[in-house]
Protein backbone atom coordinates (compact mmCIF):
# COMPACT_ATOMS: atom_id res chain seq x y z
CA MET A 1 -20.02 -22.80 -16.14
CA VAL A 2 -17.70 -24.84 -18.52
CA PHE A 3 -20.72 -26.97 -19.88
CA GLY A 4 -21.76 -23.43 -21.64
CA LEU A 5 -18.77 -23.18 -23.35
CA LEU A 6 -18.73 -27.17 -25.05
CA LYS A 7 -21.31 -26.05 -27.54
CA LYS A 8 -19.30 -22.59 -28.78
CA LYS A 9 -16.62 -21.67 -29.95
CA LEU A 10 -13.42 -21.57 -27.35
CA PRO A 11 -12.81 -17.84 -25.52
CA ALA A 12 -9.79 -16.80 -26.38
CA GLU A 13 -8.83 -16.60 -22.54
CA LEU A 14 -9.68 -19.57 -20.52
CA SER A 15 -9.38 -20.08 -17.06
CA TYR A 16 -7.22 -22.79 -15.11
CA THR A 17 -10.22 -24.59 -14.24
CA GLU A 18 -11.86 -24.09 -17.30
CA SER A 19 -9.25 -25.40 -19.22
CA LYS A 20 -8.88 -28.32 -16.45
CA GLU A 21 -12.45 -29.38 -17.04
CA LEU A 22 -12.48 -29.03 -20.82
CA ALA A 23 -9.22 -31.49 -20.70
CA GLU A 24 -11.04 -34.49 -18.43
CA THR A 25 -14.76 -33.95 -19.57
CA GLY A 26 -14.67 -32.03 -23.05
CA SER A 27 -15.48 -33.36 -26.50
CA ASP A 28 -13.04 -34.83 -28.94
CA ARG A 29 -13.44 -31.57 -30.64
CA ASP A 30 -13.03 -29.56 -27.73
CA ARG A 31 -9.98 -31.50 -26.33
CA ALA A 32 -8.54 -31.00 -29.65
CA LYS A 33 -8.61 -27.49 -30.15
CA LEU A 34 -7.56 -26.99 -26.81
CA ALA A 35 -4.24 -29.18 -27.27
CA SER A 36 -3.15 -26.42 -29.66
CA ARG A 37 -3.47 -23.76 -27.60
CA SER A 38 -0.06 -22.17 -26.92
CA ASP A 39 -1.55 -20.77 -23.31
CA LEU A 40 -2.32 -24.16 -21.59
CA ARG A 41 -0.49 -24.96 -18.09
CA PRO A 42 2.61 -27.93 -18.74
CA GLU A 43 0.43 -30.06 -16.81
CA LEU A 44 -2.36 -30.50 -19.04
CA LEU A 45 -0.53 -30.53 -21.95
CA TYR A 46 1.02 -33.72 -20.30
CA TYR A 47 -2.14 -34.80 -19.64
CA LEU A 48 -4.06 -34.54 -23.05
CA SER A 49 -0.58 -36.07 -24.49
CA GLN A 50 -2.55 -39.05 -22.96
CA ASP A 51 -5.97 -38.52 -24.19
CA SER A 52 -7.57 -41.43 -26.31
CA SER A 53 -8.01 -39.42 -28.99
CA SER A 54 -5.19 -39.79 -32.05
CA GLU A 55 -6.42 -36.10 -33.48
CA VAL A 56 -5.92 -34.77 -29.31
CA ARG A 57 -2.10 -36.41 -29.20
CA ARG A 58 -1.41 -35.11 -32.97
CA ARG A 59 -1.78 -31.39 -31.43
CA ILE A 60 -0.11 -32.33 -28.73
CA ALA A 61 2.58 -33.94 -30.50
CA ALA A 62 2.54 -30.46 -32.78
CA ASN A 63 2.61 -28.10 -30.20
CA GLU A 64 5.77 -26.57 -29.54
CA HIS A 65 5.59 -25.61 -25.98
CA THR A 66 4.20 -29.52 -24.96
CA PRO A 67 6.39 -30.72 -22.26
CA ARG A 68 9.38 -32.16 -23.31
CA GLN A 69 8.98 -36.34 -21.03
CA ALA A 70 5.38 -35.32 -22.76
CA ASP A 71 7.39 -35.11 -26.56
CA LEU A 72 9.81 -38.29 -25.20
CA MET A 73 6.71 -40.27 -24.52
CA LEU A 74 4.67 -39.56 -27.42
CA ALA A 75 7.61 -40.94 -29.34
CA ASN A 76 6.21 -44.38 -28.57
CA ASP A 77 2.48 -43.34 -29.70
CA ALA A 78 0.51 -46.22 -31.08
CA ASP A 79 -0.49 -43.62 -34.17
CA GLU A 80 2.32 -43.09 -36.72
CA LYS A 81 0.64 -39.50 -37.74
CA VAL A 82 1.00 -38.44 -34.55
CA ARG A 83 4.72 -39.92 -34.59
CA ALA A 84 5.43 -38.00 -37.91
CA GLU A 85 4.36 -34.62 -36.42
CA LEU A 86 6.06 -35.25 -33.63
CA ALA A 87 9.87 -35.66 -35.37
CA SER A 88 8.83 -32.43 -37.55
CA LYS A 89 8.53 -30.58 -34.19
CA VAL A 90 11.24 -32.10 -32.50
CA ALA A 91 13.98 -31.88 -35.56
CA GLU A 92 12.52 -28.12 -35.84
CA LEU A 93 13.25 -26.97 -32.07
CA THR A 94 16.61 -29.10 -32.62
CA LYS A 95 17.61 -26.65 -35.22
CA GLN A 96 16.66 -23.93 -32.61
CA GLU A 97 18.17 -25.09 -29.74
CA ASP A 98 20.89 -23.02 -27.95
CA LYS A 99 23.73 -23.94 -25.60
CA GLY A 100 21.40 -22.28 -23.20
CA THR A 101 19.26 -24.96 -23.22
CA GLN A 102 18.79 -26.68 -20.01
CA GLU A 103 21.01 -30.31 -20.14
CA LYS A 104 17.75 -31.91 -18.68
CA ALA A 105 15.21 -30.65 -21.29
CA GLN A 106 18.11 -31.15 -24.20
CA ARG A 107 18.62 -34.63 -23.18
CA PHE A 108 14.67 -35.31 -23.26
CA VAL A 109 15.05 -34.25 -26.88
CA GLU A 110 17.48 -36.45 -27.73
CA GLN A 111 16.30 -39.38 -26.20
CA THR A 112 12.72 -38.67 -28.48
CA LEU A 113 14.83 -37.96 -31.48
CA GLU A 114 16.96 -41.32 -30.63
CA VAL A 115 13.49 -43.00 -30.37
CA LEU A 116 12.10 -41.59 -33.41
CA ALA A 117 15.23 -42.33 -35.40
CA LYS A 118 14.58 -46.34 -34.78
CA ASP A 119 10.56 -45.97 -35.77
CA GLN A 120 9.24 -48.55 -37.80
CA ALA A 121 7.58 -46.07 -39.51
CA VAL A 122 9.54 -45.12 -42.91
CA LYS A 123 7.60 -41.83 -43.22
CA VAL A 124 8.70 -40.77 -39.50
CA ARG A 125 12.50 -41.29 -40.05
CA GLN A 126 12.56 -39.51 -43.30
CA ILE A 127 11.07 -36.18 -42.05
CA LEU A 128 13.58 -36.38 -39.51
CA ALA A 129 16.09 -37.03 -41.82
CA GLU A 130 14.89 -34.18 -44.22
CA THR A 131 14.50 -32.12 -41.41
CA LEU A 132 18.18 -32.92 -39.83
CA LYS A 133 20.44 -32.94 -42.99
CA SER A 134 21.88 -29.67 -42.38
CA VAL A 135 21.34 -28.98 -38.74
CA ALA A 136 25.02 -28.86 -36.88
CA ASN A 137 23.70 -29.67 -33.38
CA ALA A 138 22.15 -32.38 -33.79
CA PRO A 139 22.83 -34.94 -31.77
CA PRO A 140 25.67 -37.18 -33.43
CA GLN A 141 24.40 -40.55 -32.34
CA VAL A 142 21.20 -39.75 -34.08
CA ILE A 143 22.57 -38.70 -37.35
CA GLY A 144 24.89 -42.01 -37.39
CA GLN A 145 22.04 -44.01 -37.21
CA LEU A 146 19.44 -42.33 -40.10
CA ALA A 147 22.98 -42.11 -42.54
CA ARG A 148 23.06 -45.86 -41.92
CA ASP A 149 19.04 -46.65 -42.02
CA ALA A 150 18.02 -49.32 -44.39
CA GLU A 151 15.60 -47.12 -46.96
CA ASP A 152 18.30 -44.92 -49.31
CA VAL A 153 15.37 -42.16 -48.73
CA VAL A 154 15.98 -41.56 -45.09
CA ALA A 155 20.04 -42.21 -45.20
CA CYS A 156 20.48 -40.14 -48.36
CA PRO A 157 20.01 -36.64 -47.54
CA ILE A 158 21.84 -37.22 -43.87
CA LEU A 159 24.72 -38.29 -46.27
CA GLU A 160 24.50 -35.66 -49.05
CA PHE A 161 24.31 -32.70 -46.42
CA SER A 162 24.64 -33.23 -43.05
CA PRO A 163 28.03 -31.53 -41.21
CA LEU A 164 28.14 -34.30 -39.06
CA LEU A 165 29.47 -37.35 -40.75
CA THR A 166 33.03 -37.34 -40.37
CA ASP A 167 35.56 -38.73 -42.86
CA GLU A 168 36.11 -41.88 -41.05
CA ASP A 169 32.19 -41.98 -40.86
CA LEU A 170 32.13 -41.99 -44.90
CA LEU A 171 34.62 -44.10 -45.46
CA ASP A 172 32.90 -46.47 -43.14
CA ILE A 173 29.48 -46.23 -45.36
CA ILE A 174 31.37 -46.69 -48.57
CA ALA A 175 33.05 -49.70 -47.50
CA GLY A 176 29.79 -51.73 -46.24
CA SER A 177 26.99 -49.98 -49.18
CA SER A 178 26.68 -51.10 -52.34
CA ALA A 179 23.68 -49.00 -53.12
CA ARG A 180 23.99 -46.34 -55.74
CA ALA A 181 21.84 -43.95 -54.17
CA ARG A 182 23.81 -43.92 -51.48
CA LEU A 183 27.42 -42.92 -53.15
CA CYS A 184 25.74 -40.91 -55.31
CA ALA A 185 24.52 -38.62 -52.01
CA ILE A 186 28.24 -39.23 -51.05
CA SER A 187 29.20 -37.65 -54.02
CA ARG A 188 27.64 -34.30 -53.80
CA ARG A 189 28.70 -33.39 -50.49
CA ASP A 190 30.36 -29.79 -49.99
CA GLN A 191 34.00 -30.00 -49.71
CA LEU A 192 34.57 -33.90 -50.17
CA GLY A 193 38.12 -34.55 -49.39
CA GLU A 194 40.89 -36.74 -51.19
CA VAL A 195 40.36 -39.62 -49.35
CA VAL A 196 36.81 -40.25 -49.57
CA SER A 197 36.37 -39.58 -53.11
CA ASP A 198 39.18 -42.12 -53.91
CA ALA A 199 36.75 -44.72 -52.05
CA ILE A 200 34.09 -43.58 -53.80
CA VAL A 201 36.33 -44.16 -57.28
CA GLN A 202 37.05 -47.19 -55.60
CA ARG A 203 33.79 -48.65 -55.63
CA ASP A 204 33.83 -48.73 -59.83
CA ASP A 205 30.01 -47.08 -59.63
CA ARG A 206 29.83 -44.95 -63.06
CA LYS A 207 26.80 -42.78 -61.94
CA ALA A 208 28.43 -42.44 -58.65
CA ILE A 209 31.96 -41.08 -60.39
CA ALA A 210 30.23 -39.29 -62.61
CA GLU A 211 27.96 -37.26 -59.69
CA LEU A 212 31.83 -37.14 -58.10
CA LEU A 213 33.42 -35.29 -61.62
CA ALA A 214 29.96 -33.06 -61.46
CA ASN A 215 30.84 -31.73 -57.49
CA PRO A 216 33.01 -28.43 -58.10
CA SER A 217 34.12 -28.39 -54.49
CA ALA A 218 35.18 -32.19 -54.25
CA GLN A 219 38.85 -32.31 -54.17
CA ILE A 220 40.30 -35.36 -56.74
CA ARG A 221 44.05 -36.11 -56.72
CA GLU A 222 45.67 -36.09 -60.05
CA GLU A 223 46.39 -39.46 -60.69
CA THR A 224 42.73 -40.77 -59.66
CA LEU A 225 41.39 -38.17 -61.99
CA ASP A 226 43.95 -39.30 -64.65
CA ALA A 227 42.92 -42.75 -64.30
CA LEU A 228 39.33 -41.34 -64.67
CA ILE A 229 39.91 -39.45 -67.55
CA ASP A 230 41.38 -42.60 -69.25
CA GLY A 231 38.06 -44.20 -68.51
CA SER A 232 36.32 -41.24 -69.50
CA VAL A 233 37.05 -42.80 -73.71
CA GLN A 234 34.85 -45.64 -73.04
CA GLU A 235 32.56 -43.96 -70.27
CA THR A 236 31.60 -40.73 -72.66
CA ALA A 237 29.19 -39.71 -69.46
CA TRP A 238 32.03 -38.36 -67.32
CA GLN A 239 33.51 -36.18 -70.17
CA PRO A 240 31.79 -33.26 -69.76
CA PRO A 241 31.93 -32.81 -66.07
CA LEU A 242 35.90 -33.88 -66.83
CA VAL A 243 36.02 -30.78 -69.47
CA ASP A 244 33.95 -28.30 -66.37
CA ARG A 245 35.81 -29.22 -63.75
CA PRO A 246 37.17 -25.93 -62.07
CA ILE A 247 40.64 -26.91 -61.89
CA LEU A 248 42.48 -29.07 -64.13
CA PRO A 249 46.26 -30.00 -64.43
CA ALA A 250 47.60 -28.65 -67.97
CA LYS A 251 48.36 -32.32 -68.73
CA ALA A 252 44.73 -33.62 -68.18
CA VAL A 253 43.61 -30.76 -70.25
CA ARG A 254 46.00 -32.17 -73.22
CA LYS A 255 44.83 -35.57 -72.69
CA LEU A 256 40.82 -34.11 -72.59
CA ALA A 257 41.60 -32.40 -75.91
CA SER A 258 42.97 -35.61 -77.83
CA PHE A 259 39.57 -37.18 -77.74
CA VAL A 260 36.52 -35.16 -76.50
CA ALA A 261 33.66 -34.59 -79.37
CA ALA A 262 34.10 -31.17 -80.84
CA ALA A 263 31.81 -29.41 -78.94
CA LEU A 264 33.65 -30.49 -75.27
CA LEU A 265 37.13 -29.24 -77.28
CA GLU A 266 35.64 -25.67 -77.69
CA ARG A 267 34.60 -25.68 -74.10
CA LEU A 268 38.26 -26.80 -73.01
CA LYS A 269 39.69 -23.84 -75.66
CA ASN A 270 37.61 -21.47 -73.25
CA ARG A 271 38.94 -22.39 -70.11
CA GLU A 272 40.38 -19.36 -69.07
CA ASP A 273 42.81 -20.79 -66.45
CA LEU A 274 44.93 -22.10 -69.33
CA ASP A 275 48.50 -21.10 -69.23
CA LYS A 276 49.95 -20.16 -72.59
CA GLU A 277 51.78 -23.26 -73.97
CA THR A 278 48.57 -25.45 -72.85
CA ALA A 279 46.20 -23.15 -74.51
CA GLU A 280 48.14 -23.50 -78.05
CA ALA A 281 48.37 -26.92 -77.87
CA VAL A 282 44.24 -27.59 -77.45
CA ALA A 283 44.31 -24.35 -80.36
CA GLN A 284 46.21 -26.64 -82.61
CA GLU A 285 44.11 -29.76 -81.40
CA VAL A 286 41.05 -27.57 -82.62
CA GLN A 287 43.00 -26.81 -85.94
CA ARG A 288 43.78 -30.88 -86.49
CA ARG A 289 40.22 -31.68 -86.26
CA VAL A 290 39.12 -28.76 -88.74
CA ALA A 291 42.12 -30.01 -91.39
CA GLU A 292 40.75 -34.02 -90.52
CA THR A 293 37.14 -33.17 -91.01
CA ALA A 294 38.40 -31.54 -94.51
CA GLU A 295 40.07 -34.55 -95.40
CA GLU A 296 37.72 -37.63 -93.89
CA GLU A 297 36.17 -38.39 -97.36
CA GLU A 298 39.66 -39.04 -98.80
CA PRO A 299 41.23 -42.72 -98.47
CA SER A 300 43.11 -43.80 -95.99
CA GLU A 301 45.00 -46.38 -95.22
CA SER A 302 44.24 -49.60 -93.19
CA PRO A 303 44.89 -49.38 -89.57
CA GLU A 304 47.22 -52.86 -89.99
CA ALA A 305 49.02 -50.93 -92.87
CA GLU A 306 49.62 -47.68 -91.09
CA ALA A 307 50.70 -49.79 -87.93
CA ALA A 308 53.27 -51.23 -90.32
CA ARG A 309 54.60 -48.45 -92.16
CA LEU A 310 54.98 -46.81 -88.24
CA PHE A 311 57.01 -49.70 -87.22
CA LYS A 312 59.40 -49.88 -90.20
CA ALA A 313 59.91 -46.67 -89.41
CA ASN A 314 60.53 -46.93 -85.95
CA GLU A 315 57.90 -44.57 -84.90
CA LEU A 316 55.87 -46.59 -83.30
CA THR A 317 56.50 -45.60 -80.28
CA ASN A 318 54.74 -45.80 -76.83
CA GLU A 319 53.52 -42.31 -77.21
CA VAL A 320 51.59 -42.79 -80.37
CA LEU A 321 50.31 -46.20 -79.08
CA GLY A 322 48.71 -43.99 -76.08
CA ASP A 323 47.44 -41.54 -78.05
CA ALA A 324 46.38 -43.95 -80.36
CA ILE A 325 44.17 -45.82 -77.76
CA LEU A 326 42.64 -42.18 -76.37
CA ALA A 327 41.65 -41.47 -79.74
CA GLY A 328 39.83 -44.98 -79.44
CA LYS A 329 41.94 -46.24 -82.38
CA ARG A 330 41.49 -49.80 -81.58
CA ASP A 331 42.69 -51.82 -84.83
CA PHE A 332 45.92 -49.54 -85.28
CA VAL A 333 46.33 -50.47 -81.63
CA ARG A 334 46.28 -54.84 -82.32
CA HIS A 335 48.16 -54.61 -85.25
CA GLY A 336 50.86 -52.26 -83.37
CA LEU A 337 51.23 -54.54 -80.47
CA ALA A 338 51.45 -57.74 -82.32
CA LEU A 339 54.33 -55.77 -83.86
CA ARG A 340 56.16 -54.75 -80.86
CA ALA A 341 55.65 -58.33 -79.18
CA LYS A 342 56.15 -59.93 -82.48
CA VAL A 343 53.42 -62.03 -81.91
CA GLY A 344 49.90 -62.63 -84.05
CA VAL A 345 47.16 -60.26 -84.49
CA ASP A 346 45.11 -63.08 -82.77
CA PHE A 347 46.93 -63.95 -79.84
CA VAL A 348 46.67 -59.86 -78.82
CA ASP A 349 42.71 -60.57 -79.30
CA ARG A 350 43.11 -63.35 -76.90
CA ILE A 351 44.77 -61.75 -74.09
CA LEU A 352 42.93 -58.15 -74.63
CA ASN A 353 39.23 -60.30 -74.83
CA GLY A 354 40.11 -62.33 -71.56
CA HIS A 355 40.14 -59.09 -69.19
CA SER A 356 43.19 -60.22 -67.65
CA ALA A 357 45.56 -57.52 -65.85
CA LYS A 358 48.04 -59.83 -65.77
CA GLY A 359 47.88 -61.05 -68.94
CA ILE A 360 47.63 -57.42 -70.68
CA THR A 361 50.81 -56.79 -68.11
CA ALA A 362 52.53 -59.41 -69.46
CA LEU A 363 51.84 -58.25 -73.14
CA ALA A 364 52.63 -54.86 -72.54
CA TRP A 365 56.09 -56.17 -71.21
CA ARG A 366 56.67 -58.39 -74.47
CA GLY A 367 56.24 -55.33 -76.37
CA ASP A 368 58.77 -53.02 -74.37
CA CYS A 369 55.51 -50.49 -73.76
CA GLY A 370 56.25 -50.02 -70.11
CA MET A 371 54.08 -49.60 -67.33
CA ARG A 372 51.94 -46.61 -68.13
CA LEU A 373 51.28 -47.90 -71.66
CA ALA A 374 50.17 -51.35 -69.84
CA LEU A 375 47.29 -49.50 -67.38
CA GLN A 376 46.03 -47.30 -70.48
CA LEU A 377 45.90 -50.78 -72.44
CA GLN A 378 44.27 -52.32 -69.30
CA THR A 379 41.36 -49.98 -68.49
CA ASN A 380 40.79 -48.79 -72.14
CA LEU A 381 41.16 -51.89 -74.10
CA GLY A 382 40.88 -55.00 -71.90
CA GLY A 383 37.65 -53.41 -70.16
CA ILE A 384 39.40 -53.97 -66.86
CA PRO A 385 38.16 -51.14 -63.89
CA PRO A 386 41.01 -48.41 -62.69
CA ASN A 387 40.41 -49.68 -59.14
CA LYS A 388 41.55 -53.42 -60.75
CA ALA A 389 44.25 -52.58 -62.65
CA LEU A 390 47.68 -53.29 -62.15
CA ARG A 391 49.77 -50.61 -61.55
CA ALA A 392 53.81 -49.63 -61.33
CA ARG A 393 55.79 -50.63 -59.18
CA ASP A 394 58.27 -48.40 -57.42
CA GLY A 395 57.41 -45.35 -59.79
CA SER A 396 58.48 -47.43 -63.24
CA ASP A 397 58.71 -51.23 -62.46
CA TYR A 398 56.43 -54.08 -63.57
CA PRO A 399 54.39 -55.27 -60.80
CA LEU A 400 55.06 -58.70 -61.91
CA THR A 401 58.50 -61.06 -61.87
CA THR A 402 59.53 -61.81 -65.25
CA GLU A 403 58.89 -65.95 -64.52
CA GLU A 404 55.23 -64.36 -63.70
CA MET A 405 54.69 -62.71 -67.11
CA GLU A 406 56.34 -65.48 -69.11
CA TRP A 407 53.89 -68.22 -67.42
CA GLN A 408 50.85 -65.71 -68.41
CA LEU A 409 52.25 -65.05 -72.07
CA ASP A 410 52.79 -69.17 -71.86
CA PHE A 411 49.16 -69.43 -70.73
CA PHE A 412 47.11 -67.81 -73.21
CA SER A 413 49.59 -69.03 -76.33
CA SER A 414 48.13 -73.04 -74.58
CA LEU A 415 44.95 -71.48 -75.08
CA THR A 416 42.85 -72.10 -78.18
CA ASP A 417 39.72 -69.67 -80.14
């Protein structure tokens, strides 16, 4: 009776005997059709999972009714298309699994996912990662494997979206990877904590930091944000996301207002969360910029002359130098430092161009500038990344001894251009 079926379309209903005969003696085409049916008995689905035709096995891999034991066997199939189909199905089934699923069946699913997460084909692992990236009940060991995959296309979806990765997982991955794509993926995670944000900043990847700043839910410590604002004087791509941060301390708003472009300054001015005092300070800065624009064609004194005039009037303060750094007035700061430290401008240039955190700190000490200004000098004029800059000890003290700073100054004095 079954031989008559082989020459025509399979009927809507098949007896167990007909199905069994087709599975054993049917053509490749009919066995493939059989493998897609939802009414096939589990033992026949298992039997077809070992079929010689890769198309039959592919359809068995895609069939939601295939026994979990057969899925586990297909995870080691020689055909990549079979494994890719299986990865898509099993990952989707994991989304639908609930606590009522039998423990034995659930274990087969987990074992299948574990095998597929180590598959030699990138496509298979990528399908798995894309499907499991937001699944809260996925096996943690599988998520951990995918998050540390050698390929960005596999790791990044998990790193950006998986709710199963802990801060400890993320810190371990950040410490062990310098891949920009992975740092950026982590930077985009929802509700990123301060500790992880700090770790990303420490890697000093400009693009990843830009992604972090553009993430409105990322928590960033005020001290870290302050350092990034200082760094944005040179890294201008950070300025727009800084200006648009949902929460900005008044101090940060004022500092940004002192150097961002006019369009960004207008966005700062229109923020609805500004207190009255900060709003007035930003408005005054807008007026000052307008006045400067009107007078920009008028002749002005040179940076050297301006620094000399303020120094003579005892008005060359740390605040004046700090504002000049943020405004990008490098020549004025160079001459001001030379006057404050009682050294030549060439000596100042030698230290700044040496990119030495200790040397710049010693120069700031000689000029009685304080560590806050010393930090600005390091990151903005000395080209030192924020994570490598020297910072204040015990709140305000210099992190070097007097002897160490004297040695730094003597060392740079001994150098010749």
